């Protein structure tokens, strides 16, 4: 594929895609906030599923379909660098996972 055929998206299309992705993830975000307020160990229980959701949304959807739902709705595709995105993105998620120490319950001391 030559670079002549690629058209780069402008700011407003990317901005709209960001907010569409935000709306797609809003129910999950609300669930996480609600769960963390009502259950003391929610962050411990959600850690592994949260990593899988993040990898699914940020790696699998980009690799398989060429973008997240917001990008696809706005007719944007991630084309350059797609074959090597998995090692870079998964290493970034690994760095984030190692940065957070295991959560310990707060016993009020």
Protein backbone atom coordinates (compact mmCIF):
# COMPACT_ATOMS: atom_id res chain seq x y z
CA UNK A 1 0.00 0.00 0.00
CA UNK A 2 1.45 3.33 -0.96
CA UNK A 3 1.20 6.42 1.19
CA UNK A 4 -0.55 8.22 -1.69
CA UNK A 5 -3.76 6.36 -0.91
CA UNK A 6 -3.75 7.13 2.81
CA UNK A 7 -5.78 10.07 4.04
CA UNK A 8 -5.13 11.19 7.56
CA UNK A 9 -8.11 12.05 9.73
CA UNK A 10 -8.46 15.53 11.11
CA UNK A 11 -8.81 16.61 14.70
CA UNK A 12 -12.61 16.71 14.84
CA UNK A 13 -13.12 13.21 13.45
CA UNK A 14 -10.63 11.84 15.97
CA UNK A 15 -12.25 13.89 18.73
CA UNK A 16 -15.69 12.49 17.83
CA UNK A 17 -14.25 8.95 17.73
CA UNK A 18 -12.81 9.45 21.22
CA UNK A 19 -16.19 10.51 22.61
CA UNK A 20 -17.98 7.63 20.87
CA UNK A 21 -15.50 5.23 22.47
CA UNK A 22 -16.17 6.97 25.77
CA UNK A 23 -19.92 6.36 25.33
CA UNK A 24 -19.31 2.70 24.45
CA UNK A 25 -17.25 2.19 27.62
CA UNK A 26 -19.46 4.36 29.86
CA UNK A 27 -21.62 1.49 31.21
CA UNK A 28 -18.51 -0.47 32.20
CA UNK A 29 -17.00 2.64 33.78
CA UNK A 30 -20.19 3.23 35.75
CA UNK A 31 -20.15 -0.40 36.91
CA UNK A 32 -16.54 -0.05 38.08
CA UNK A 33 -17.30 3.14 40.02
CA UNK A 34 -20.42 1.60 41.57
CA UNK A 35 -18.60 -1.63 42.47
CA UNK A 36 -15.65 0.15 44.02
CA UNK A 37 -17.99 2.23 46.19
CA UNK A 38 -20.06 -0.74 47.39
CA UNK A 39 -17.52 -3.56 47.68
CA UNK A 40 -14.28 -3.25 49.58
CA UNK A 41 -12.36 -5.77 47.45
CA UNK A 42 -13.87 -4.84 44.08
CA UNK A 43 -10.55 -3.60 42.69
CA UNK A 44 -8.97 -6.98 43.47
CA UNK A 45 -11.81 -8.90 41.81
CA UNK A 46 -11.90 -6.60 38.79
CA UNK A 47 -8.14 -6.51 38.16
CA UNK A 48 -7.89 -9.53 35.83
CA UNK A 49 -11.20 -8.94 33.98
CA UNK A 50 -10.23 -5.28 33.61
CA UNK A 51 -6.93 -6.21 32.00
CA UNK A 52 -8.75 -8.52 29.59
CA UNK A 53 -11.30 -5.83 28.71
CA UNK A 54 -8.50 -3.34 28.07
CA UNK A 55 -6.57 -5.79 25.90
CA UNK A 56 -9.73 -6.73 24.01
CA UNK A 57 -10.65 -3.12 23.36
CA UNK A 58 -7.20 -1.73 22.68
CA UNK A 59 -5.48 -4.67 20.98
CA UNK A 60 -7.93 -7.24 19.59
CA UNK A 61 -10.43 -4.80 18.09
CA UNK A 62 -7.65 -2.73 16.54
CA UNK A 63 -5.90 -5.81 15.19
CA UNK A 64 -9.03 -7.58 13.93
CA UNK A 65 -11.20 -4.71 12.69
CA UNK A 66 -8.75 -1.85 12.26
CA UNK A 67 -10.01 0.31 15.11
CA UNK A 68 -12.17 0.68 18.16
CA UNK A 69 -15.95 1.05 17.77
CA UNK A 70 -15.73 4.85 17.89
CA UNK A 71 -13.11 4.91 15.15
CA UNK A 72 -15.09 2.50 13.01
CA UNK A 73 -18.29 4.52 13.40
CA UNK A 74 -16.38 7.61 12.27
CA UNK A 75 -14.96 5.57 9.36
CA UNK A 76 -11.40 5.75 10.63
CA UNK A 77 -9.00 2.86 10.29
CA UNK A 78 -5.65 2.26 11.93
CA UNK A 79 -3.51 1.09 9.03
CA UNK A 80 0.13 1.95 9.53
CA UNK A 81 1.93 -0.22 12.04
CA UNK A 82 -0.95 -2.67 12.40
CA UNK A 83 1.15 -5.87 12.11
CA UNK A 84 3.53 -4.89 14.91
CA UNK A 85 0.95 -3.26 17.19
CA UNK A 86 0.39 -6.34 19.36
CA UNK A 87 3.88 -6.63 20.86
CA UNK A 88 4.09 -2.89 21.54
CA UNK A 89 0.61 -2.54 23.00
CA UNK A 90 0.81 -5.71 25.07
CA UNK A 91 4.17 -4.60 26.47
CA UNK A 92 2.61 -1.25 27.37
CA UNK A 93 -0.22 -3.04 29.20
CA UNK A 94 2.36 -5.18 30.96
CA UNK A 95 4.20 -2.07 32.12
CA UNK A 96 0.95 -0.62 33.46
CA UNK A 97 0.05 -3.86 35.24
CA UNK A 98 3.49 -4.01 36.89
CA UNK A 99 3.23 -0.37 37.96
CA UNK A 100 0.22 -1.04 40.19
CA UNK A 101 1.07 -2.94 43.36
CA UNK A 102 -1.43 -5.53 44.57
CA UNK A 103 -4.32 -3.86 46.36
CA UNK A 104 -4.55 -4.41 50.09
CA UNK A 105 -7.80 -3.94 52.00
CA UNK A 106 -7.98 -0.80 54.07
CA UNK A 107 -8.76 -1.87 57.62
CA UNK A 108 -8.92 1.69 58.95
CA UNK A 109 -5.57 1.73 60.78
